[in-house]
Amino acid sequence: QVQVEESGGGLVQAGGSLRLSCTASGHIYRLGWYRQAPGNQRELVAQVTSTGFKNYADSVKDRFTISRVNGDNKVYLQMDRLKSEDTAVYYCKVKLFATTGRPAPFWGQGTQVTVSS
């Protein structure tokens, strides 16, 4: 069973910063952060592969930074210059290598980020 643990959410004022952390088990190809605000679909925030390739949602480019520690299977999301529209539940998503025979992604339980204006 793949374990996915998130931490680091909370309440912050607009313009402030938060850092989210996710630790997972398994032979991991890609780690990513998604978010879901009330009434909205879950959307990609940022993700990083085992080789370091990263991509970001346009709405967070230049404000958020994703980083990965491969040896520890950890991923961080540094969120700066937060806006009220960043308020959402943030989820860590884990994608294993195809060689594991487990193609479906694994999700964490989510951590709430609330940005007050």
Protein backbone atom coordinates (compact mmCIF):
# COMPACT_ATOMS: atom_id res chain seq x y z
CA GLN A 1 0.00 0.00 0.00
CA VAL A 2 1.36 3.42 -0.95
CA GLN A 3 1.37 5.88 1.93
CA VAL A 4 0.90 9.57 1.18
CA GLU A 5 1.18 12.12 3.98
CA GLU A 6 0.72 15.86 3.60
CA SER A 7 1.38 18.71 5.98
CA GLY A 8 1.83 22.46 6.07
CA GLY A 9 -1.57 23.95 5.33
CA GLY A 10 -3.10 26.74 7.37
CA LEU A 11 -4.40 30.27 7.44
CA VAL A 12 -2.32 33.12 6.05
CA GLN A 13 -2.92 36.70 4.99
CA ALA A 14 -2.80 37.69 1.36
CA GLY A 15 0.77 38.31 0.30
CA GLY A 16 2.11 35.80 2.77
CA SER A 17 3.78 32.44 2.33
CA LEU A 18 3.22 28.80 3.21
CA ARG A 19 5.13 25.63 2.49
CA LEU A 20 3.39 22.32 1.94
CA SER A 21 5.15 18.99 2.37
CA CYS A 22 4.29 15.55 1.11
CA THR A 23 6.02 12.27 1.92
CA ALA A 24 5.17 9.11 0.02
CA SER A 25 6.31 5.52 -0.23
CA GLY A 26 7.01 3.42 -3.29
CA HIS A 27 8.96 3.59 -6.54
CA ILE A 28 7.74 7.02 -7.57
CA TYR A 29 7.83 8.53 -11.02
CA ARG A 30 6.00 11.78 -10.45
CA LEU A 31 4.84 13.82 -7.47
CA GLY A 32 2.42 16.65 -7.78
CA TRP A 33 0.14 19.05 -6.00
CA TYR A 34 -3.46 19.61 -6.97
CA ARG A 35 -6.08 21.82 -5.37
CA GLN A 36 -9.82 21.99 -5.17
CA ALA A 37 -11.84 25.01 -4.12
CA PRO A 38 -15.53 24.71 -3.19
CA GLY A 39 -17.66 24.31 -6.29
CA ASN A 40 -14.64 23.83 -8.53
CA GLN A 41 -12.97 20.83 -10.09
CA ARG A 42 -9.66 19.59 -8.81
CA GLU A 43 -6.87 21.22 -10.77
CA LEU A 44 -3.14 20.79 -11.22
CA VAL A 45 -0.96 23.24 -9.33
CA ALA A 46 2.51 21.86 -9.98
CA GLN A 47 4.25 18.54 -10.51
CA VAL A 48 7.77 17.18 -10.79
CA THR A 49 9.10 13.94 -12.27
CA SER A 50 11.93 11.75 -11.01
CA THR A 51 14.26 13.43 -13.52
CA GLY A 52 13.37 16.90 -12.26
CA PHE A 53 11.04 18.01 -15.02
CA LYS A 54 8.53 20.48 -13.59
CA ASN A 55 5.39 22.11 -14.79
CA TYR A 56 3.08 24.64 -13.20
CA ALA A 57 -0.39 26.00 -13.63
CA ASP A 58 -0.28 29.43 -15.26
CA SER A 59 -2.03 30.92 -12.23
CA VAL A 60 0.85 30.05 -9.89
CA LYS A 61 3.92 30.50 -12.07
CA ASP A 62 6.45 32.92 -10.53
CA ARG A 63 4.74 32.56 -7.12
CA PHE A 64 4.95 28.85 -6.31
CA THR A 65 7.97 26.57 -6.42
CA ILE A 66 7.87 22.78 -6.36
CA SER A 67 10.91 20.83 -5.24
CA ARG A 68 11.59 17.16 -4.73
CA VAL A 69 13.97 15.14 -2.58
CA ASN A 70 14.21 11.87 -4.44
CA GLY A 71 16.04 9.90 -1.81
CA ASP A 72 13.33 10.66 0.73
CA ASN A 73 10.37 10.57 -1.66
CA LYS A 74 9.40 14.02 -0.50
CA VAL A 75 7.98 16.94 -2.39
CA TYR A 76 7.56 20.50 -1.23
CA LEU A 77 5.42 23.31 -2.52
CA GLN A 78 6.67 26.74 -1.54
CA MET A 79 3.82 29.19 -1.99
CA ASP A 80 4.68 32.89 -1.97
CA ARG A 81 2.63 36.03 -2.59
CA LEU A 82 -0.52 34.09 -1.82
CA LYS A 83 -3.84 35.40 -3.05
CA SER A 84 -7.36 34.80 -1.81
CA GLU A 85 -8.04 32.76 -4.94
CA ASP A 86 -5.39 30.28 -3.81
CA THR A 87 -7.74 29.20 -1.03
CA ALA A 88 -8.48 25.50 -1.50
CA VAL A 89 -7.80 22.03 -0.24
CA TYR A 90 -4.41 20.97 -1.58
CA TYR A 91 -3.77 17.33 -2.42
CA CYS A 92 -0.57 15.45 -3.06
CA LYS A 93 -0.70 13.06 -6.00
CA VAL A 94 1.69 10.17 -6.46
CA LYS A 95 2.31 8.38 -9.74
CA LEU A 96 4.42 5.24 -9.63
CA PHE A 97 6.69 3.98 -12.38
CA ALA A 98 4.92 1.80 -14.93
CA THR A 99 7.25 -1.07 -14.04
CA THR A 100 5.48 -1.37 -10.69
CA GLY A 101 2.34 -2.56 -12.48
CA ARG A 102 0.28 -0.01 -10.56
CA PRO A 103 -0.80 2.67 -13.02
CA ALA A 104 -3.48 4.35 -10.93
CA PRO A 105 -2.35 7.41 -8.97
CA PHE A 106 -2.47 7.66 -5.21
CA TRP A 107 -3.77 10.69 -3.35
CA GLY A 108 -3.23 12.18 0.04
CA GLN A 109 -6.11 13.24 2.25
CA GLY A 110 -5.62 16.92 1.54
CA THR A 111 -4.58 19.94 3.54
CA GLN A 112 -6.55 23.15 3.78
CA VAL A 113 -4.97 26.42 2.68
CA THR A 114 -6.94 29.56 3.48
CA VAL A 115 -5.77 32.99 2.36
CA SER A 116 -7.52 35.92 3.97
CA SER A 117 -7.75 39.21 2.11
